């Protein structure tokens, strides 16, 4: 059998396999990046004004009713898909960080960290949502609770788009571990500061301001982080 035609392909595959493992050259990572990009592209194409309406609704002077025209059932599925993309983007950043630390050696380990990171991010968001529902419906009106749920969901969606761009830069240019840590810390810090500002605007009153601030930090921030740490600890033996 004449193998002349396929020998260049075999040599190219052997040369590819002999190269050091990099995330930008991994088929799984490229596929996940493409999936995230397609989710964002389809979402924004389907709702060309979606991003604008979310940003518009963030203005301190606008009411919830002014941005309710995008809160349809179709938008619900759209936001759910984008929230999934947010979790995957966070998993990409985590996987890249672990790769720079030498914990990810090849594709057989890469997908495990992507799956675990996605599960951890989704669990963190879900836990925070549950605590938000319990605390907000106990202390505040339904209108305030609904407004906060909207703000939190839209913030997660916008954060996912930003983290996707951040993951793309890290993986494509193979940025250093320190850059990943500093960049992720800055992004998370901006997100938390924004959520705190919105919480003040929606919830905190002069009469119960200190009590509400204490509940916000202790119940809605510290406990989800502790639960997330427990989840990651339980997942670590799998790897």
C-alpha atoms as a PDB file:
ATOM      1  CA  UNK A   1       0.000   0.000   0.000  1.00  0.00           C
ATOM      2  CA  UNK A   2       1.356   3.383  -1.043  1.00  0.00           C
ATOM      3  CA  UNK A   3       1.661   5.654   1.990  1.00  0.00           C
ATOM      4  CA  UNK A   4       3.370   8.522   0.193  1.00  0.00           C
ATOM      5  CA  UNK A   5       0.234  10.663   0.244  1.00  0.00           C
ATOM      6  CA  UNK A   6      -0.375  10.317   3.980  1.00  0.00           C
ATOM      7  CA  UNK A   7       3.220  10.315   5.220  1.00  0.00           C
ATOM      8  CA  UNK A   8       3.380  14.144   5.509  1.00  0.00           C
ATOM      9  CA  UNK A   9       0.264  14.063   7.674  1.00  0.00           C
ATOM     10  CA  UNK A  10       1.758  11.358   9.883  1.00  0.00           C
ATOM     11  CA  UNK A  11       4.994  13.309  10.269  1.00  0.00           C
ATOM     12  CA  UNK A  12       3.058  16.484  11.092  1.00  0.00           C
ATOM     13  CA  UNK A  13       1.034  14.642  13.745  1.00  0.00           C
ATOM     14  CA  UNK A  14       4.189  13.138  15.260  1.00  0.00           C
ATOM     15  CA  UNK A  15       5.837  16.551  15.322  1.00  0.00           C
ATOM     16  CA  UNK A  16       2.738  18.009  16.943  1.00  0.00           C
ATOM     17  CA  UNK A  17       2.696  15.283  19.585  1.00  0.00           C
ATOM     18  CA  UNK A  18       6.354  15.828  20.402  1.00  0.00           C
ATOM     19  CA  UNK A  19       5.831  19.504  21.178  1.00  0.00           C
ATOM     20  CA  UNK A  20       5.475  20.682  24.802  1.00  0.00           C
ATOM     21  CA  UNK A  21       1.868  20.799  25.957  1.00  0.00           C
ATOM     22  CA  UNK A  22       0.305  24.257  25.697  1.00  0.00           C
ATOM     23  CA  UNK A  23      -3.295  25.230  26.245  1.00  0.00           C
ATOM     24  CA  UNK A  24      -3.457  27.273  23.056  1.00  0.00           C
ATOM     25  CA  UNK A  25      -2.519  24.116  21.122  1.00  0.00           C
ATOM     26  CA  UNK A  26      -4.983  21.850  22.907  1.00  0.00           C
ATOM     27  CA  UNK A  27      -8.083  20.810  20.975  1.00  0.00           C
ATOM     28  CA  UNK A  28     -10.276  20.722  24.082  1.00  0.00           C
ATOM     29  CA  UNK A  29      -9.367  24.256  25.151  1.00  0.00           C
ATOM     30  CA  UNK A  30      -9.781  25.612  21.624  1.00  0.00           C
ATOM     31  CA  UNK A  31     -13.187  23.932  21.417  1.00  0.00           C
ATOM     32  CA  UNK A  32     -14.271  25.443  24.751  1.00  0.00           C
ATOM     33  CA  UNK A  33     -13.059  28.893  23.702  1.00  0.00           C
ATOM     34  CA  UNK A  34     -14.994  28.566  20.450  1.00  0.00           C
ATOM     35  CA  UNK A  35     -18.099  27.476  22.363  1.00  0.00           C
ATOM     36  CA  UNK A  36     -17.902  30.523  24.645  1.00  0.00           C
ATOM     37  CA  UNK A  37     -17.403  32.826  21.675  1.00  0.00           C
ATOM     38  CA  UNK A  38     -20.395  31.353  19.846  1.00  0.00           C
ATOM     39  CA  UNK A  39     -22.610  31.697  22.942  1.00  0.00           C
ATOM     40  CA  UNK A  40     -21.721  35.380  23.259  1.00  0.00           C
ATOM     41  CA  UNK A  41     -22.042  36.030  19.522  1.00  0.00           C
ATOM     42  CA  UNK A  42     -25.430  34.316  19.219  1.00  0.00           C
ATOM     43  CA  UNK A  43     -26.747  36.029  22.345  1.00  0.00           C
ATOM     44  CA  UNK A  44     -25.760  39.508  21.225  1.00  0.00           C
ATOM     45  CA  UNK A  45     -26.903  38.867  17.661  1.00  0.00           C
ATOM     46  CA  UNK A  46     -30.271  37.646  18.898  1.00  0.00           C
ATOM     47  CA  UNK A  47     -30.632  40.652  21.143  1.00  0.00           C
ATOM     48  CA  UNK A  48     -28.653  43.469  19.593  1.00  0.00           C
ATOM     49  CA  UNK A  49     -29.835  45.862  22.305  1.00  0.00           C
ATOM     50  CA  UNK A  50     -29.378  43.363  25.171  1.00  0.00           C
ATOM     51  CA  UNK A  51     -25.988  44.626  26.348  1.00  0.00           C
ATOM     52  CA  UNK A  52     -27.079  48.247  26.011  1.00  0.00           C
ATOM     53  CA  UNK A  53     -30.222  47.641  28.055  1.00  0.00           C
ATOM     54  CA  UNK A  54     -28.280  45.947  30.853  1.00  0.00           C
ATOM     55  CA  UNK A  55     -25.830  48.843  31.080  1.00  0.00           C
ATOM     56  CA  UNK A  56     -28.703  51.329  30.854  1.00  0.00           C
ATOM     57  CA  UNK A  57     -30.497  49.551  33.667  1.00  0.00           C
ATOM     58  CA  UNK A  58     -27.398  49.896  35.869  1.00  0.00           C
ATOM     59  CA  UNK A  59     -27.772  53.654  36.062  1.00  0.00           C
ATOM     60  CA  UNK A  60     -28.511  54.723  39.624  1.00  0.00           C
ATOM     61  CA  UNK A  61     -31.307  56.991  38.453  1.00  0.00           C
ATOM     62  CA  UNK A  62     -33.230  54.415  36.415  1.00  0.00           C
ATOM     63  CA  UNK A  63     -36.001  52.284  37.802  1.00  0.00           C
ATOM     64  CA  UNK A  64     -36.511  48.601  37.186  1.00  0.00           C
ATOM     65  CA  UNK A  65     -39.509  49.308  34.969  1.00  0.00           C
ATOM     66  CA  UNK A  66     -37.328  51.215  32.505  1.00  0.00           C
ATOM     67  CA  UNK A  67     -35.324  48.104  31.638  1.00  0.00           C
ATOM     68  CA  UNK A  68     -38.087  45.503  31.952  1.00  0.00           C
ATOM     69  CA  UNK A  69     -38.698  45.350  28.216  1.00  0.00           C
ATOM     70  CA  UNK A  70     -35.923  42.757  27.843  1.00  0.00           C
ATOM     71  CA  UNK A  71     -37.140  40.561  30.738  1.00  0.00           C
ATOM     72  CA  UNK A  72     -39.130  38.190  28.539  1.00  0.00           C
ATOM     73  CA  UNK A  73     -39.165  34.401  28.605  1.00  0.00           C
ATOM     74  CA  UNK A  74     -36.814  34.396  25.625  1.00  0.00           C
ATOM     75  CA  UNK A  75     -34.419  36.621  27.539  1.00  0.00           C
ATOM     76  CA  UNK A  76     -34.577  34.174  30.449  1.00  0.00           C
ATOM     77  CA  UNK A  77     -33.156  31.369  28.326  1.00  0.00           C
ATOM     78  CA  UNK A  78     -30.663  33.786  26.859  1.00  0.00           C
ATOM     79  CA  UNK A  79     -29.441  34.854  30.303  1.00  0.00           C
ATOM     80  CA  UNK A  80     -29.262  31.219  31.449  1.00  0.00           C
ATOM     81  CA  UNK A  81     -27.011  30.353  28.518  1.00  0.00           C
ATOM     82  CA  UNK A  82     -24.814  33.363  29.179  1.00  0.00           C
ATOM     83  CA  UNK A  83     -24.545  32.400  32.850  1.00  0.00           C
ATOM     84  CA  UNK A  84     -23.266  28.997  31.721  1.00  0.00           C
ATOM     85  CA  UNK A  85     -20.717  30.803  29.583  1.00  0.00           C
ATOM     86  CA  UNK A  86     -19.686  32.792  32.670  1.00  0.00           C
ATOM     87  CA  UNK A  87     -18.974  29.579  34.585  1.00  0.00           C
ATOM     88  CA  UNK A  88     -16.989  28.127  31.672  1.00  0.00           C
ATOM     89  CA  UNK A  89     -14.931  31.323  31.334  1.00  0.00           C
ATOM     90  CA  UNK A  90     -14.089  31.211  35.041  1.00  0.00           C
ATOM     91  CA  UNK A  91     -13.061  27.572  34.601  1.00  0.00           C
ATOM     92  CA  UNK A  92     -10.776  28.557  31.713  1.00  0.00           C
ATOM     93  CA  UNK A  93      -9.000  31.126  33.879  1.00  0.00           C
ATOM     94  CA  UNK A  94      -8.643  28.581  36.704  1.00  0.00           C
ATOM     95  CA  UNK A  95      -7.322  25.913  34.321  1.00  0.00           C
ATOM     96  CA  UNK A  96      -4.785  28.312  32.849  1.00  0.00           C
ATOM     97  CA  UNK A  97      -3.586  29.270  36.329  1.00  0.00           C
ATOM     98  CA  UNK A  98      -3.183  25.605  37.280  1.00  0.00           C
ATOM     99  CA  UNK A  99      -1.341  24.992  34.008  1.00  0.00           C
ATOM    100  CA  UNK A 100       1.151  27.750  34.798  1.00  0.00           C
ATOM    101  CA  UNK A 101       1.683  26.096  38.191  1.00  0.00           C
ATOM    102  CA  UNK A 102       2.412  22.754  36.524  1.00  0.00           C
ATOM    103  CA  UNK A 103      -0.732  20.920  37.659  1.00  0.00           C
ATOM    104  CA  UNK A 104      -2.086  20.420  34.123  1.00  0.00           C
ATOM    105  CA  UNK A 105       0.272  18.244  32.124  1.00  0.00           C
ATOM    106  CA  UNK A 106      -1.834  17.159  29.133  1.00  0.00           C
ATOM    107  CA  UNK A 107      -5.327  16.973  27.671  1.00  0.00           C
ATOM    108  CA  UNK A 108      -6.287  14.013  29.841  1.00  0.00           C
ATOM    109  CA  UNK A 109      -6.102  16.312  32.860  1.00  0.00           C
ATOM    110  CA  UNK A 110      -7.204  19.536  31.172  1.00  0.00           C
ATOM    111  CA  UNK A 111     -10.845  18.584  30.704  1.00  0.00           C
ATOM    112  CA  UNK A 112     -11.131  17.502  34.354  1.00  0.00           C
ATOM    113  CA  UNK A 113     -10.134  20.948  35.593  1.00  0.00           C
ATOM    114  CA  UNK A 114     -12.464  22.610  33.093  1.00  0.00           C
ATOM    115  CA  UNK A 115     -15.384  20.515  34.311  1.00  0.00           C
ATOM    116  CA  UNK A 116     -14.494  20.992  37.989  1.00  0.00           C
ATOM    117  CA  UNK A 117     -14.037  24.745  37.522  1.00  0.00           C
ATOM    118  CA  UNK A 118     -17.378  25.062  35.751  1.00  0.00           C
ATOM    119  CA  UNK A 119     -19.137  23.108  38.508  1.00  0.00           C
ATOM    120  CA  UNK A 120     -17.457  25.183  41.229  1.00  0.00           C
ATOM    121  CA  UNK A 121     -18.363  28.503  39.560  1.00  0.00           C
ATOM    122  CA  UNK A 122     -21.970  27.377  38.998  1.00  0.00           C
ATOM    123  CA  UNK A 123     -22.232  26.192  42.607  1.00  0.00           C
ATOM    124  CA  UNK A 124     -20.890  29.519  43.878  1.00  0.00           C
ATOM    125  CA  UNK A 125     -23.423  31.513  41.844  1.00  0.00           C
ATOM    126  CA  UNK A 126     -26.255  29.182  42.864  1.00  0.00           C
ATOM    127  CA  UNK A 127     -25.348  29.400  46.556  1.00  0.00           C
ATOM    128  CA  UNK A 128     -25.250  33.197  46.422  1.00  0.00           C
ATOM    129  CA  UNK A 129     -28.613  33.293  44.646  1.00  0.00           C
ATOM    130  CA  UNK A 130     -30.165  31.066  47.325  1.00  0.00           C
ATOM    131  CA  UNK A 131     -28.832  33.277  50.119  1.00  0.00           C
ATOM    132  CA  UNK A 132     -29.959  36.384  48.258  1.00  0.00           C
ATOM    133  CA  UNK A 133     -33.486  35.002  47.972  1.00  0.00           C
ATOM    134  CA  UNK A 134     -33.669  34.023  51.641  1.00  0.00           C
ATOM    135  CA  UNK A 135     -32.231  37.265  53.035  1.00  0.00           C
ATOM    136  CA  UNK A 136     -33.831  39.667  50.580  1.00  0.00           C
ATOM    137  CA  UNK A 137     -37.331  38.210  50.870  1.00  0.00           C
ATOM    138  CA  UNK A 138     -37.020  38.267  54.660  1.00  0.00           C
ATOM    139  CA  UNK A 139     -35.777  41.825  55.124  1.00  0.00           C
ATOM    140  CA  UNK A 140     -36.885  43.708  52.031  1.00  0.00           C
ATOM    141  CA  UNK A 141     -39.842  44.174  49.728  1.00  0.00           C
ATOM    142  CA  UNK A 142     -40.500  42.019  46.682  1.00  0.00           C
ATOM    143  CA  UNK A 143     -39.648  44.946  44.428  1.00  0.00           C
ATOM    144  CA  UNK A 144     -36.247  45.385  46.072  1.00  0.00           C
ATOM    145  CA  UNK A 145     -35.533  41.648  45.964  1.00  0.00           C
ATOM    146  CA  UNK A 146     -36.494  41.467  42.279  1.00  0.00           C
ATOM    147  CA  UNK A 147     -34.347  44.496  41.451  1.00  0.00           C
ATOM    148  CA  UNK A 148     -31.346  42.959  43.210  1.00  0.00           C
ATOM    149  CA  UNK A 149     -31.829  39.601  41.436  1.00  0.00           C
ATOM    150  CA  UNK A 150     -31.828  41.429  38.118  1.00  0.00           C
ATOM    151  CA  UNK A 151     -28.670  43.368  38.971  1.00  0.00           C
ATOM    152  CA  UNK A 152     -26.847  40.268  40.210  1.00  0.00           C
ATOM    153  CA  UNK A 153     -27.781  38.199  37.147  1.00  0.00           C
ATOM    154  CA  UNK A 154     -26.791  40.898  34.679  1.00  0.00           C
ATOM    155  CA  UNK A 155     -23.528  41.514  36.549  1.00  0.00           C
ATOM    156  CA  UNK A 156     -22.665  37.810  36.292  1.00  0.00           C
ATOM    157  CA  UNK A 157     -23.378  37.893  32.568  1.00  0.00           C
ATOM    158  CA  UNK A 158     -21.203  40.953  31.927  1.00  0.00           C
ATOM    159  CA  UNK A 159     -18.497  39.472  34.157  1.00  0.00           C
ATOM    160  CA  UNK A 160     -18.547  36.317  32.060  1.00  0.00           C
ATOM    161  CA  UNK A 161     -17.939  38.288  28.878  1.00  0.00           C
ATOM    162  CA  UNK A 162     -15.043  40.138  30.523  1.00  0.00           C
ATOM    163  CA  UNK A 163     -13.559  36.934  31.941  1.00  0.00           C
ATOM    164  CA  UNK A 164     -13.798  35.292  28.510  1.00  0.00           C
ATOM    165  CA  UNK A 165     -11.715  38.110  27.032  1.00  0.00           C
ATOM    166  CA  UNK A 166      -9.312  37.812  29.985  1.00  0.00           C
ATOM    167  CA  UNK A 167      -8.992  34.037  29.473  1.00  0.00           C
ATOM    168  CA  UNK A 168      -8.385  34.547  25.756  1.00  0.00           C
ATOM    169  CA  UNK A 169      -5.522  36.954  26.482  1.00  0.00           C
ATOM    170  CA  UNK A 170      -3.971  34.678  29.109  1.00  0.00           C
ATOM    171  CA  UNK A 171      -4.126  31.535  26.979  1.00  0.00           C
ATOM    172  CA  UNK A 172      -3.166  33.150  23.668  1.00  0.00           C
ATOM    173  CA  UNK A 173      -0.155  35.092  24.983  1.00  0.00           C
ATOM    174  CA  UNK A 174       0.783  32.646  27.774  1.00  0.00           C
ATOM    175  CA  UNK A 175       0.871  35.386  30.375  1.00  0.00           C
ATOM    176  CA  UNK A 176       2.626  34.899  33.704  1.00  0.00           C
ATOM    177  CA  UNK A 177       1.049  33.519  36.864  1.00  0.00           C
ATOM    178  CA  UNK A 178       1.409  36.852  38.642  1.00  0.00           C
ATOM    179  CA  UNK A 179      -0.465  38.609  35.842  1.00  0.00           C
ATOM    180  CA  UNK A 180      -3.306  36.081  36.091  1.00  0.00           C
ATOM    181  CA  UNK A 181      -3.588  36.553  39.854  1.00  0.00           C
ATOM    182  CA  UNK A 182      -3.406  40.347  39.721  1.00  0.00           C
ATOM    183  CA  UNK A 183      -5.767  40.598  36.751  1.00  0.00           C
ATOM    184  CA  UNK A 184      -8.338  38.217  38.238  1.00  0.00           C
ATOM    185  CA  UNK A 185      -8.136  39.981  41.618  1.00  0.00           C
ATOM    186  CA  UNK A 186      -8.711  43.374  39.985  1.00  0.00           C
ATOM    187  CA  UNK A 187     -11.695  42.116  37.983  1.00  0.00           C
ATOM    188  CA  UNK A 188     -13.265  40.404  40.996  1.00  0.00           C
ATOM    189  CA  UNK A 189     -12.619  43.495  43.124  1.00  0.00           C
ATOM    190  CA  UNK A 190     -14.368  45.749  40.611  1.00  0.00           C
ATOM    191  CA  UNK A 191     -17.325  43.356  40.452  1.00  0.00           C
ATOM    192  CA  UNK A 192     -17.680  43.190  44.239  1.00  0.00           C
ATOM    193  CA  UNK A 193     -17.390  46.962  44.642  1.00  0.00           C
ATOM    194  CA  UNK A 194     -20.070  47.433  42.005  1.00  0.00           C
ATOM    195  CA  UNK A 195     -22.390  44.953  43.710  1.00  0.00           C
ATOM    196  CA  UNK A 196     -21.862  46.674  47.057  1.00  0.00           C
ATOM    197  CA  UNK A 197     -22.717  50.046  45.532  1.00  0.00           C
ATOM    198  CA  UNK A 198     -25.860  48.619  43.978  1.00  0.00           C
ATOM    199  CA  UNK A 199     -26.771  46.945  47.269  1.00  0.00           C
ATOM    200  CA  UNK A 200     -26.515  50.291  49.029  1.00  0.00           C
ATOM    201  CA  UNK A 201     -28.702  51.880  46.384  1.00  0.00           C
ATOM    202  CA  UNK A 202     -31.371  49.169  46.511  1.00  0.00           C
ATOM    203  CA  UNK A 203     -31.371  47.973  50.119  1.00  0.00           C
ATOM    204  CA  UNK A 204     -29.425  49.950  52.666  1.00  0.00           C
ATOM    205  CA  UNK A 205     -31.357  52.603  54.530  1.00  0.00           C
ATOM    206  CA  UNK A 206     -30.143  55.080  57.123  1.00  0.00           C
ATOM    207  CA  UNK A 207     -32.121  53.393  59.872  1.00  0.00           C
ATOM    208  CA  UNK A 208     -30.713  49.895  59.416  1.00  0.00           C
ATOM    209  CA  UNK A 209     -27.634  50.600  57.334  1.00  0.00           C
ATOM    210  CA  UNK A 210     -25.010  49.014  59.615  1.00  0.00           C
ATOM    211  CA  UNK A 211     -27.124  45.913  60.230  1.00  0.00           C
ATOM    212  CA  UNK A 212     -27.769  45.458  56.527  1.00  0.00           C
ATOM    213  CA  UNK A 213     -24.084  45.921  55.717  1.00  0.00           C
ATOM    214  CA  UNK A 214     -23.132  43.271  58.298  1.00  0.00           C
ATOM    215  CA  UNK A 215     -25.696  40.827  56.889  1.00  0.00           C
ATOM    216  CA  UNK A 216     -24.508  41.485  53.344  1.00  0.00           C
ATOM    217  CA  UNK A 217     -20.849  40.716  54.055  1.00  0.00           C
ATOM    218  CA  UNK A 218     -21.363  37.817  56.465  1.00  0.00           C
ATOM    219  CA  UNK A 219     -24.283  36.033  54.837  1.00  0.00           C
ATOM    220  CA  UNK A 220     -24.013  36.852  51.165  1.00  0.00           C
ATOM    221  CA  UNK A 221     -20.235  36.879  50.740  1.00  0.00           C
ATOM    222  CA  UNK A 222     -18.339  34.907  53.376  1.00  0.00           C
ATOM    223  CA  UNK A 223     -20.606  31.856  53.606  1.00  0.00           C
ATOM    224  CA  UNK A 224     -20.684  31.202  49.812  1.00  0.00           C
ATOM    225  CA  UNK A 225     -16.882  31.472  49.741  1.00  0.00           C
ATOM    226  CA  UNK A 226     -16.583  28.960  52.577  1.00  0.00           C
ATOM    227  CA  UNK A 227     -18.969  26.571  50.837  1.00  0.00           C
ATOM    228  CA  UNK A 228     -17.051  26.989  47.559  1.00  0.00           C
ATOM    229  CA  UNK A 229     -13.794  26.177  49.359  1.00  0.00           C
ATOM    230  CA  UNK A 230     -15.411  23.045  50.780  1.00  0.00           C
ATOM    231  CA  UNK A 231     -16.587  21.985  47.311  1.00  0.00           C
ATOM    232  CA  UNK A 232     -13.111  22.445  45.821  1.00  0.00           C
ATOM    233  CA  UNK A 233     -11.592  20.504  48.718  1.00  0.00           C
ATOM    234  CA  UNK A 234     -13.956  17.600  48.100  1.00  0.00           C
ATOM    235  CA  UNK A 235     -13.250  17.666  44.353  1.00  0.00           C
ATOM    236  CA  UNK A 236      -9.454  17.727  44.749  1.00  0.00           C
ATOM    237  CA  UNK A 237      -9.088  13.941  45.398  1.00  0.00           C
ATOM    238  CA  UNK A 238     -10.574  13.274  41.948  1.00  0.00           C
ATOM    239  CA  UNK A 239      -7.523  14.844  40.343  1.00  0.00           C
END
